[in-house]
Protein backbone atom coordinates (compact mmCIF):
# COMPACT_ATOMS: atom_id res chain seq x y z
CA MET A 1 -124.70 -54.84 18.22
CA ASN A 2 -125.67 -58.55 19.54
CA ASN A 3 -128.12 -58.91 21.02
CA SER A 4 -126.89 -60.87 23.54
CA LEU A 5 -129.22 -59.32 26.50
CA LYS A 6 -132.23 -58.66 24.31
CA GLY A 7 -135.62 -58.50 25.95
CA GLN A 8 -134.07 -57.76 29.41
CA ILE A 9 -134.87 -55.14 31.46
CA ALA A 10 -131.44 -53.43 33.08
CA LEU A 11 -131.78 -50.35 35.91
CA ILE A 12 -127.80 -47.99 35.94
CA THR A 13 -127.83 -46.00 39.18
CA GLY A 14 -126.29 -43.15 38.57
CA GLY A 15 -126.92 -43.73 34.98
CA THR A 16 -126.17 -40.27 33.17
CA ARG A 17 -122.37 -39.79 32.90
CA GLY A 18 -119.39 -40.94 33.34
CA ILE A 19 -119.45 -44.86 34.69
CA GLY A 20 -122.39 -45.58 34.84
CA LYS A 21 -123.40 -44.00 31.31
CA ALA A 22 -120.84 -45.90 29.16
CA ILE A 23 -122.02 -48.92 31.18
CA ALA A 24 -125.83 -47.56 30.08
CA ASP A 25 -124.81 -47.30 26.66
CA ARG A 26 -122.57 -50.59 26.42
CA LEU A 27 -125.89 -52.85 27.69
CA SER A 28 -128.14 -50.89 25.58
CA ASN A 29 -125.99 -52.19 22.52
CA GLU A 30 -126.11 -55.69 23.68
CA GLY A 31 -129.96 -55.13 23.46
CA ALA A 32 -131.32 -54.39 26.67
CA THR A 33 -133.45 -51.48 27.79
CA LEU A 34 -132.15 -49.03 30.38
CA VAL A 35 -133.55 -47.97 32.94
CA ILE A 36 -130.84 -44.97 34.36
CA THR A 37 -131.12 -42.61 37.23
CA ALA A 38 -129.80 -39.44 38.29
CA ARG A 39 -131.17 -36.24 40.39
CA THR A 40 -131.07 -34.62 37.09
CA GLU A 41 -132.14 -35.77 33.65
CA PRO A 42 -128.89 -36.34 31.10
CA LEU A 43 -128.73 -33.57 28.42
CA GLU A 44 -127.89 -36.58 26.12
CA ASN A 45 -129.67 -39.74 25.64
CA SER A 46 -129.36 -40.51 22.16
CA LEU A 47 -130.37 -44.05 22.80
CA GLY A 48 -133.18 -42.87 24.75
CA HIS A 49 -133.37 -44.70 28.38
CA HIS A 50 -136.03 -44.70 30.24
CA PHE A 51 -134.85 -41.31 32.94
CA ILE A 52 -136.47 -41.45 36.55
CA ALA A 53 -134.87 -38.44 38.38
CA ALA A 54 -133.67 -39.81 42.08
CA ASP A 55 -131.31 -38.75 44.76
CA HIS A 56 -129.83 -41.83 45.37
CA SER A 57 -129.14 -40.82 49.33
CA LYS A 58 -132.68 -40.55 50.12
CA VAL A 59 -134.65 -43.19 52.22
CA ASP A 60 -137.85 -42.87 49.64
CA SER A 61 -135.89 -42.97 45.95
CA ALA A 62 -135.36 -47.15 45.97
CA GLU A 63 -139.54 -47.50 46.62
CA ILE A 64 -139.76 -44.24 43.46
CA ILE A 65 -137.35 -46.41 41.40
CA ALA A 66 -138.94 -50.10 41.73
CA GLN A 67 -142.70 -48.66 41.68
CA GLU A 68 -141.83 -46.62 38.40
CA ILE A 69 -139.93 -50.29 36.91
CA ILE A 70 -142.72 -52.54 38.72
CA GLU A 71 -145.50 -50.83 36.73
CA LYS A 72 -144.19 -49.75 33.38
CA TYR A 73 -142.56 -52.89 32.59
CA GLY A 74 -143.45 -55.62 35.54
CA LYS A 75 -139.91 -57.57 35.79
CA LEU A 76 -135.99 -56.54 36.21
CA ASP A 77 -133.40 -58.30 34.89
CA ILE A 78 -130.29 -56.85 35.99
CA ILE A 79 -129.43 -53.85 38.30
CA VAL A 80 -126.31 -51.91 38.75
CA ASN A 81 -125.65 -50.35 41.49
CA ASN A 82 -123.29 -46.89 40.07
CA ALA A 83 -124.13 -44.24 41.85
CA GLY A 84 -121.92 -43.28 44.79
CA ALA A 85 -119.16 -40.13 45.15
CA ASN A 86 -116.80 -38.73 47.84
CA LEU A 87 -118.74 -36.10 49.19
CA THR A 88 -116.80 -35.38 52.09
CA PRO A 89 -113.22 -32.63 52.68
CA SER A 90 -109.95 -33.88 52.65
CA GLY A 91 -107.94 -34.03 55.75
CA GLY A 92 -108.72 -36.95 57.77
CA TYR A 93 -110.39 -37.95 60.99
CA SER A 94 -110.38 -34.57 62.70
CA ALA A 95 -111.87 -32.85 59.38
CA LEU A 96 -115.14 -35.18 58.90
CA SER A 97 -118.28 -34.28 61.16
CA ASP A 98 -121.30 -36.99 62.15
CA GLU A 99 -123.01 -35.27 58.93
CA ASP A 100 -119.95 -36.23 56.83
CA TRP A 101 -119.57 -40.13 57.89
CA ASN A 102 -123.83 -40.89 57.11
CA ASN A 103 -123.97 -38.71 53.83
CA GLU A 104 -120.90 -41.11 52.70
CA ILE A 105 -123.02 -44.72 53.84
CA GLN A 106 -126.12 -43.00 52.88
CA LEU A 107 -125.24 -42.64 48.77
CA ASN A 108 -121.84 -45.25 48.86
CA LEU A 109 -123.62 -48.22 50.45
CA MET A 110 -127.12 -47.65 51.47
CA SER A 111 -128.63 -46.44 48.33
CA ALA A 112 -127.51 -49.85 46.87
CA VAL A 113 -128.98 -51.78 49.82
CA ARG A 114 -131.94 -50.03 49.25
CA ILE A 115 -132.50 -50.58 45.94
CA ASN A 116 -131.44 -53.85 46.05
CA LYS A 117 -134.04 -54.75 48.97
CA THR A 118 -137.02 -53.27 47.31
CA LEU A 119 -135.98 -54.86 43.64
CA ILE A 120 -134.94 -58.85 44.55
CA PRO A 121 -138.40 -59.63 44.68
CA LEU A 122 -138.71 -59.28 41.38
CA MET A 123 -135.54 -61.22 40.62
CA ILE A 124 -136.86 -64.47 43.02
CA LYS A 125 -140.00 -63.96 41.36
CA GLN A 126 -138.54 -65.45 38.55
CA LYS A 127 -135.53 -67.30 39.61
CA LYS A 128 -132.95 -65.57 37.72
CA GLY A 129 -131.17 -62.18 37.63
CA ALA A 130 -127.45 -60.29 38.58
CA ILE A 131 -126.86 -57.81 40.62
CA ILE A 132 -123.71 -55.59 40.29
CA ASN A 133 -122.55 -53.27 43.09
CA ILE A 134 -119.91 -50.61 41.06
CA SER A 135 -117.21 -50.42 44.67
CA MET A 136 -113.63 -48.87 43.96
CA ASN A 137 -109.92 -49.41 44.96
CA PRO A 138 -110.33 -47.50 47.87
CA ALA A 139 -112.21 -49.34 49.84
CA MET A 140 -109.61 -51.92 49.87
CA GLN A 141 -106.49 -49.42 49.25
CA PRO A 142 -107.60 -45.71 51.40
CA ILE A 143 -106.64 -42.55 51.51
CA TRP A 144 -106.89 -41.19 55.06
CA GLU A 145 -106.00 -37.35 53.41
CA ILE A 146 -109.15 -37.82 50.74
CA THR A 147 -111.20 -41.28 51.10
CA MET A 148 -111.72 -42.11 54.61
CA ALA A 149 -115.48 -42.12 55.00
CA TYR A 150 -115.47 -42.75 51.51
CA SER A 151 -112.81 -45.65 51.35
CA ALA A 152 -115.25 -47.33 54.94
CA ALA A 153 -118.56 -47.34 52.92
CA LYS A 154 -117.57 -48.86 50.51
CA ALA A 155 -115.41 -51.63 52.47
CA ALA A 156 -118.78 -52.76 53.55
CA LEU A 157 -120.07 -52.39 50.22
CA ASN A 158 -117.97 -55.13 49.35
CA ALA A 159 -118.95 -57.35 52.51
CA TYR A 160 -122.36 -56.63 52.12
CA SER A 161 -122.10 -58.05 48.26
CA LYS A 162 -120.31 -61.07 49.56
CA ALA A 163 -122.78 -61.61 52.06
CA LEU A 164 -126.11 -60.82 49.52
CA ALA A 165 -124.61 -63.27 46.47
CA SER A 166 -124.31 -66.11 49.46
CA GLU A 167 -128.23 -65.53 49.87
CA LEU A 168 -129.08 -65.04 46.85
CA GLY A 169 -127.47 -67.95 44.81
CA SER A 170 -129.57 -70.85 45.65
CA LYS A 171 -132.41 -68.29 43.85
CA GLY A 172 -130.97 -67.90 40.78
CA ILE A 173 -129.71 -64.52 41.40
CA ARG A 174 -126.15 -63.68 40.70
CA VAL A 175 -124.19 -60.68 43.04
CA ASN A 176 -120.71 -59.30 41.63
CA THR A 177 -118.56 -55.89 42.75
CA VAL A 178 -116.59 -53.97 40.17
CA SER A 179 -113.92 -51.75 41.22
CA PRO A 180 -112.62 -50.35 39.32
CA GLY A 181 -109.39 -47.49 40.49
CA LEU A 182 -108.52 -44.27 38.87
CA VAL A 183 -110.95 -43.59 35.77
CA LYS A 184 -111.13 -40.66 33.25
CA THR A 185 -114.77 -39.50 33.98
CA PRO A 186 -116.01 -36.23 33.76
CA GLN A 187 -116.06 -35.86 37.42
CA MET A 188 -111.99 -37.14 37.57
CA GLN A 189 -110.84 -34.52 35.20
CA GLN A 190 -112.36 -31.85 36.89
CA TYR A 191 -110.88 -32.54 39.99
CA ILE A 192 -108.03 -33.30 38.19
CA ASP A 193 -108.18 -29.06 36.42
CA THR A 194 -108.77 -28.20 39.68
CA LEU A 195 -105.24 -29.41 40.86
CA SER A 196 -103.82 -27.93 38.35
CA LYS A 197 -104.19 -25.27 38.55
CA SER A 198 -104.02 -24.81 42.36
CA SER A 199 -100.92 -26.75 41.94
CA ASN A 200 -99.53 -24.43 38.97
CA ILE A 201 -98.90 -27.99 36.97
CA THR A 202 -99.78 -29.48 33.58
CA VAL A 203 -102.79 -31.26 33.63
CA GLU A 204 -100.59 -34.10 32.72
CA GLU A 205 -98.25 -33.23 35.72
CA ALA A 206 -101.86 -33.13 37.96
CA THR A 207 -102.65 -36.79 36.40
CA ARG A 208 -99.46 -38.20 37.08
CA SER A 209 -99.54 -36.74 40.67
CA LEU A 210 -102.96 -38.24 41.35
CA MET A 211 -101.67 -41.66 39.93
CA ASN A 212 -98.88 -41.57 42.11
CA LYS A 213 -100.89 -40.52 45.30
CA LEU A 214 -103.01 -43.37 44.35
CA GLY A 215 -100.16 -45.76 43.86
CA TYR A 216 -98.58 -47.23 41.30
CA VAL A 217 -100.46 -48.19 37.93
CA PRO A 218 -98.38 -50.37 35.84
CA LEU A 219 -100.45 -49.29 32.79
CA GLY A 220 -99.51 -45.88 33.39
CA ARG A 221 -103.07 -44.14 32.40
CA PRO A 222 -106.75 -43.92 33.84
CA ALA A 223 -108.95 -46.38 32.61
CA GLU A 224 -111.95 -45.77 30.11
CA PRO A 225 -115.25 -45.54 31.41
CA GLU A 226 -115.58 -48.11 28.76
CA GLU A 227 -113.92 -50.02 29.85
CA ILE A 228 -115.54 -50.56 33.16
CA ALA A 229 -117.96 -50.40 30.86
CA ASP A 230 -116.83 -54.11 29.17
CA LEU A 231 -116.51 -55.65 32.14
CA VAL A 232 -119.56 -55.46 33.49
CA ARG A 233 -121.28 -56.71 30.15
CA PHE A 234 -119.46 -59.69 30.53
CA LEU A 235 -120.67 -59.78 34.79
CA VAL A 236 -124.51 -60.10 33.90
CA SER A 237 -124.12 -62.05 30.29
CA THR A 238 -124.72 -65.54 30.49
CA GLU A 239 -121.21 -65.90 29.69
CA ALA A 240 -120.39 -65.10 33.06
CA SER A 241 -123.42 -67.92 34.64
CA TYR A 242 -120.70 -69.62 37.45
CA ILE A 243 -119.63 -66.21 38.49
CA SER A 244 -121.16 -65.10 42.19
CA GLY A 245 -119.25 -63.06 45.15
CA ALA A 246 -116.58 -61.79 43.24
CA ILE A 247 -114.89 -58.73 43.44
CA TYR A 248 -113.17 -57.52 40.54
CA GLN A 249 -110.19 -54.97 40.16
CA ILE A 250 -110.30 -52.97 37.25
CA ASP A 251 -107.07 -50.56 37.49
CA GLY A 252 -104.46 -51.21 35.95
CA GLY A 253 -102.40 -53.25 38.31
CA SER A 254 -101.89 -50.46 40.76
CA LEU A 255 -103.91 -52.77 43.70
CA ALA A 256 -100.73 -54.19 44.96
CA VAL A 257 -102.16 -57.52 46.91
CA VAL A 258 -102.64 -61.16 46.32
């Protein structure tokens, strides 16, 4: 621990596993006090993060979280909106109902919008703060069979983040977006295991097949959650004090755009 974030309060939504847990643990190791949220309490919380149960697809979740943070801490320095998932069935436009579209938008866009709206006033009062919205590569490289609605929701999150950065910069608040590609999370591993069994191929072959579907990954492997956490740690620190309104791709080089 180098205590670069000592004294700071950080909120990580979806912070009990995968990318969210890695970010929470990384910031905690830098000295921050962590508040994490998810629908169910984590099985393992060795660093003692403050847990708040919340379903981020529900409209009232942000108010519940904000009230507890205000009552317990009275301040907030860092928000990482990590809660999100691809919930819709595969099959393209004809397989998606209005409910599917709404579910994706509520969890992957509006959850961040609501959290920010309720907690930004604390940052404005402090005249400083850092917000990271976690997007995903499909926002810029959608796969019609799998991620149509999810990609649309994350693309909207990217646009929202850029607009929010423009609005809040003069108030001392920085807003950035981190956009991972394929990451070795428990959820992703479960998907790969299912693909391996259903296709009667090895796990390694299933991983390679998924990477090929997402586009060529020059580094040849999925990211570790801790690699995403390292980027977030940098972006919320004073080392990144002049960075705002940016979208950081962290995908092993797979997004083939300039």
